[in-house]
Amino acid sequence: MRRTQRAADELRPISITMDYLDNTEGSVFFQLGNTMCIATAMLTTDTPAFARNEGIGWIFAEYGMLPRSVDERIPRTRITGRAMEIQRFIGRALRAAVDLSLLKGYSVTIDCDVIRADGSTRCVCVNAGFLALYRAMQYAIAQGLVPQNPIKCFIAAVSVGLVDGEYLLDLDYTEDYNAAVDFNLVLNEKYELVEVQGTAEKSAFTFDDMTQFYELAKIGVGQLITEMRRALFPQAT
């Protein structure tokens, strides 16, 4: 049993509040354990030149942590290499879920703000970002801006790792800090891999380890997508 009394293949409690802010096309408050994120989506006609040339739309992502989302204050104006890498991770994951040709002429900027961090912040931001994006696409359809929903599949992200010789799903900060190996995996609803980040923090890992991580991730992603569907379509539950 883990420090938080969870099973090895158990997610932390999930809380989702859609339409958390009312001045944007899509917004959500997403909480996984003690990691909390507010994600918003803004739709504009300001598309990058390469997207206009290719006849597609685009999705940007920005990531930040509020000053006291962790134990030591993070300066508001500091954009670290880590933050840049994470927002690229989020952007790539979200674009993989969208038919960008149906978004032609538009860009969506996803802002992910971590208000409390206890591990797995990039995964939480992918999940929150997807929900905000989906709501923005519902808005675009209602306004007649796009012919149909550009989102072609659900995606979700989860962390896994090897801690004290045990494979664990959804690492909190302490588990992540002590992990010999940690992975961040993004899967779609068919459990196909969208994004894989794996690091040997303290020891090398094998393909067998990767298989174990993938099987754990499938459990977590399945549960996350179920909760995301419930949040988006509460009338169907």
Protein backbone atom coordinates (compact mmCIF):
# COMPACT_ATOMS: atom_id res chain seq x y z
CA MET A 1 0.00 0.00 0.00
CA ARG A 2 1.31 3.44 -0.95
CA ARG A 3 1.79 6.43 1.29
CA THR A 4 -1.67 7.66 0.27
CA GLN A 5 -3.21 4.20 0.82
CA ARG A 6 -3.72 3.69 -2.91
CA ALA A 7 -3.25 0.45 -4.79
CA ALA A 8 -0.41 0.36 -7.31
CA ASP A 9 -2.86 0.65 -10.23
CA GLU A 10 -5.15 3.27 -8.64
CA LEU A 11 -5.52 6.89 -9.67
CA ARG A 12 -5.83 9.67 -7.16
CA PRO A 13 -9.33 11.15 -6.76
CA ILE A 14 -10.48 13.13 -9.82
CA SER A 15 -12.53 16.34 -9.70
CA ILE A 16 -13.63 18.19 -12.86
CA THR A 17 -15.56 21.45 -13.05
CA MET A 18 -16.47 22.50 -16.58
CA ASP A 19 -17.07 26.16 -17.53
CA TYR A 20 -15.02 27.29 -14.54
CA LEU A 21 -14.58 30.75 -16.07
CA ASP A 22 -17.24 32.53 -18.11
CA ASN A 23 -15.11 34.87 -20.23
CA THR A 24 -13.55 32.32 -22.57
CA GLU A 25 -14.70 29.81 -25.17
CA GLY A 26 -13.73 26.88 -22.99
CA SER A 27 -12.56 26.48 -19.43
CA VAL A 28 -12.15 23.79 -16.79
CA PHE A 29 -10.86 23.23 -13.29
CA PHE A 30 -9.18 19.83 -13.14
CA GLN A 31 -7.92 18.20 -9.95
CA LEU A 32 -6.06 14.92 -9.62
CA GLY A 33 -5.22 14.32 -5.99
CA ASN A 34 -3.53 17.50 -4.82
CA THR A 35 -2.47 18.63 -8.29
CA MET A 36 -4.85 21.30 -9.59
CA CYS A 37 -5.01 23.11 -12.91
CA ILE A 38 -7.20 25.73 -14.53
CA ALA A 39 -7.21 25.46 -18.32
CA THR A 40 -8.79 27.90 -20.73
CA ALA A 41 -9.20 27.91 -24.51
CA MET A 42 -9.26 31.00 -26.73
CA LEU A 43 -10.28 30.83 -30.39
CA THR A 44 -8.79 33.38 -32.81
CA THR A 45 -8.21 33.92 -36.53
CA ASP A 46 -4.54 34.64 -35.91
CA THR A 47 -3.02 31.53 -37.49
CA PRO A 48 0.68 30.95 -38.19
CA ALA A 49 1.87 31.40 -41.77
CA PHE A 50 2.71 27.73 -42.30
CA ALA A 51 -0.81 26.73 -41.21
CA ARG A 52 -2.40 29.18 -43.66
CA ASN A 53 -0.19 27.84 -46.45
CA GLU A 54 -1.19 24.25 -45.65
CA GLY A 55 -4.87 25.05 -45.25
CA ILE A 56 -5.09 23.98 -41.62
CA GLY A 57 -5.75 25.50 -38.23
CA TRP A 58 -3.43 25.28 -35.25
CA ILE A 59 -3.37 24.69 -31.51
CA PHE A 60 -0.95 26.41 -29.17
CA ALA A 61 -0.41 25.59 -25.51
CA GLU A 62 1.07 27.65 -22.71
CA TYR A 63 1.98 26.28 -19.29
CA GLY A 64 2.70 28.02 -16.03
CA MET A 65 2.76 27.44 -12.30
CA LEU A 66 1.42 30.03 -9.89
CA PRO A 67 4.00 31.46 -7.48
CA ARG A 68 2.98 29.32 -4.49
CA SER A 69 1.82 26.22 -6.33
CA VAL A 70 4.90 24.57 -4.76
CA ASP A 71 6.73 25.05 -1.47
CA GLU A 72 9.07 27.76 -2.76
CA ARG A 73 7.77 30.79 -4.63
CA ILE A 74 8.08 30.70 -8.42
CA PRO A 75 8.62 34.17 -9.96
CA ARG A 76 5.72 35.11 -12.23
CA THR A 77 7.89 36.30 -15.11
CA ARG A 78 10.25 33.33 -15.22
CA ILE A 79 9.76 31.08 -18.25
CA THR A 80 12.05 28.13 -17.69
CA GLY A 81 13.29 25.55 -20.15
CA ARG A 82 11.13 23.05 -18.29
CA ALA A 83 8.02 25.15 -18.84
CA MET A 84 8.80 25.48 -22.54
CA GLU A 85 9.29 21.72 -22.87
CA ILE A 86 6.02 21.00 -21.04
CA GLN A 87 3.93 23.36 -23.13
CA ARG A 88 5.30 21.75 -26.28
CA PHE A 89 4.34 18.37 -24.82
CA ILE A 90 0.80 19.62 -24.20
CA GLY A 91 0.51 21.20 -27.64
CA ARG A 92 1.68 18.08 -29.48
CA ALA A 93 -0.72 15.89 -27.51
CA LEU A 94 -3.72 18.12 -28.21
CA ARG A 95 -2.96 18.51 -31.91
CA ALA A 96 -2.88 14.71 -32.24
CA ALA A 97 -6.54 14.64 -31.19
CA VAL A 98 -7.70 17.14 -33.83
CA ASP A 99 -8.31 17.14 -37.57
CA LEU A 100 -6.57 20.44 -38.17
CA SER A 101 -8.03 20.76 -41.67
CA LEU A 102 -11.48 21.24 -40.09
CA LEU A 103 -10.04 24.07 -38.02
CA LYS A 104 -8.85 25.95 -41.11
CA GLY A 105 -8.60 29.68 -40.53
CA TYR A 106 -8.55 29.42 -36.73
CA SER A 107 -6.09 28.92 -33.93
CA VAL A 108 -6.85 27.82 -30.40
CA THR A 109 -4.60 28.84 -27.53
CA ILE A 110 -4.79 26.60 -24.48
CA ASP A 111 -3.55 28.22 -21.27
CA CYS A 112 -2.77 25.78 -18.48
CA ASP A 113 -2.14 27.31 -15.06
CA VAL A 114 -1.14 24.98 -12.24
CA ILE A 115 -2.46 26.37 -8.98
CA ARG A 116 -1.18 23.52 -6.82
CA ALA A 117 1.46 20.98 -7.76
CA ASP A 118 1.85 17.49 -6.29
CA GLY A 119 3.31 15.56 -9.21
CA SER A 120 2.09 14.80 -12.74
CA THR A 121 1.45 18.46 -13.61
CA ARG A 122 2.01 18.01 -17.34
CA CYS A 123 -0.39 15.09 -17.46
CA VAL A 124 -3.05 16.99 -15.55
CA CYS A 125 -2.59 19.92 -17.94
CA VAL A 126 -3.04 17.69 -20.99
CA ASN A 127 -6.31 16.39 -19.53
CA ALA A 128 -7.54 19.83 -18.54
CA GLY A 129 -6.40 21.30 -21.83
CA PHE A 130 -8.29 18.67 -23.81
CA LEU A 131 -11.51 19.43 -21.95
CA ALA A 132 -11.12 23.17 -22.49
CA LEU A 133 -10.39 22.53 -26.18
CA TYR A 134 -13.44 20.30 -26.55
CA ARG A 135 -15.68 22.96 -25.03
CA ALA A 136 -14.20 25.57 -27.37
CA MET A 137 -14.98 23.34 -30.33
CA GLN A 138 -18.56 22.99 -29.14
CA TYR A 139 -18.70 26.79 -29.07
CA ALA A 140 -17.24 27.00 -32.58
CA ILE A 141 -19.88 24.58 -33.90
CA ALA A 142 -22.70 26.51 -32.21
CA GLN A 143 -21.43 29.74 -33.77
CA GLY A 144 -21.15 28.17 -37.22
CA LEU A 145 -17.38 28.72 -37.34
CA VAL A 146 -16.49 25.13 -38.21
CA PRO A 147 -18.50 22.61 -40.25
CA GLN A 148 -18.16 19.81 -37.70
CA ASN A 149 -16.27 18.97 -34.55
CA PRO A 150 -12.54 18.86 -35.43
CA ILE A 151 -11.81 16.60 -32.47
CA LYS A 152 -11.36 13.09 -33.84
CA CYS A 153 -10.67 11.20 -30.60
CA PHE A 154 -10.42 11.57 -26.86
CA ILE A 155 -6.96 11.59 -25.34
CA ALA A 156 -5.73 11.45 -21.76
CA ALA A 157 -2.35 11.56 -20.05
CA VAL A 158 -1.04 9.76 -17.00
CA SER A 159 2.24 9.24 -15.21
CA VAL A 160 3.68 5.84 -14.29
CA GLY A 161 6.91 4.86 -12.64
CA LEU A 162 9.10 2.32 -10.91
CA VAL A 163 9.38 3.18 -7.21
CA ASP A 164 11.12 0.88 -4.74
CA GLY A 165 10.86 -1.95 -7.25
CA GLU A 166 7.12 -1.54 -7.78
CA TYR A 167 5.27 -0.31 -10.87
CA LEU A 168 2.97 2.54 -9.87
CA LEU A 169 0.25 4.50 -11.65
CA ASP A 170 -0.21 8.27 -11.25
CA LEU A 171 2.80 9.41 -9.27
CA ASP A 172 2.50 12.12 -6.68
CA TYR A 173 5.48 14.37 -5.98
CA THR A 174 7.12 12.11 -3.38
CA GLU A 175 6.79 9.07 -5.61
CA ASP A 176 8.09 10.96 -8.62
CA TYR A 177 11.05 12.25 -6.63
CA ASN A 178 11.96 8.74 -5.51
CA ALA A 179 11.25 6.96 -8.79
CA ALA A 180 14.03 4.92 -10.39
CA VAL A 181 12.18 5.31 -13.70
CA ASP A 182 9.30 7.59 -14.57
CA PHE A 183 7.13 7.91 -17.68
CA ASN A 184 4.49 10.32 -18.90
CA LEU A 185 2.19 8.66 -21.43
CA VAL A 186 -0.57 10.13 -23.58
CA LEU A 187 -2.98 7.61 -25.11
CA ASN A 188 -6.09 8.01 -27.20
CA GLU A 189 -9.38 6.24 -26.57
CA LYS A 190 -8.17 3.22 -28.57
CA TYR A 191 -5.14 3.03 -26.26
CA GLU A 192 -2.84 4.00 -29.09
CA LEU A 193 0.26 5.91 -28.04
CA VAL A 194 0.23 9.64 -28.71
CA GLU A 195 3.20 10.81 -26.65
CA VAL A 196 5.82 8.93 -24.63
CA GLN A 197 8.33 10.50 -22.26
CA GLY A 198 10.47 8.12 -20.24
CA THR A 199 13.51 8.76 -18.09
CA ALA A 200 15.91 6.50 -16.23
CA GLU A 201 16.24 8.67 -13.14
CA LYS A 202 18.24 6.18 -11.08
CA SER A 203 18.49 2.99 -13.13
CA ALA A 204 18.12 1.82 -16.71
CA PHE A 205 14.91 0.12 -17.82
CA THR A 206 13.95 -2.62 -20.25
CA PHE A 207 11.27 -3.21 -22.86
CA ASP A 208 9.54 -5.43 -20.31
CA ASP A 209 9.40 -2.44 -17.98
CA MET A 210 7.91 -0.34 -20.77
CA THR A 211 5.22 -2.97 -21.31
CA GLN A 212 4.33 -2.83 -17.62
CA PHE A 213 4.16 0.96 -17.78
CA TYR A 214 1.92 0.84 -20.84
CA GLU A 215 -0.50 -1.63 -19.22
CA LEU A 216 -0.75 0.58 -16.14
CA ALA A 217 -1.27 3.66 -18.32
CA LYS A 218 -4.16 1.94 -20.12
CA ILE A 219 -5.94 1.49 -16.79
CA GLY A 220 -5.49 5.13 -15.86
CA VAL A 221 -6.36 6.53 -19.28
CA GLY A 222 -9.52 4.44 -19.46
CA GLN A 223 -10.70 5.85 -16.13
CA LEU A 224 -9.72 9.40 -17.04
CA ILE A 225 -11.55 9.35 -20.36
CA THR A 226 -14.65 7.99 -18.63
CA GLU A 227 -14.58 10.91 -16.18
CA MET A 228 -13.89 13.40 -18.98
CA ARG A 229 -16.92 12.16 -20.94
CA ARG A 230 -19.07 12.47 -17.83
CA ALA A 231 -17.92 16.06 -17.34
CA LEU A 232 -18.61 17.01 -20.95
CA PHE A 233 -21.89 15.13 -21.32
CA PRO A 234 -23.50 14.93 -17.85
CA GLN A 235 -26.94 14.41 -19.41
CA ALA A 236 -25.75 11.08 -20.80
CA THR A 237 -24.93 9.66 -17.36
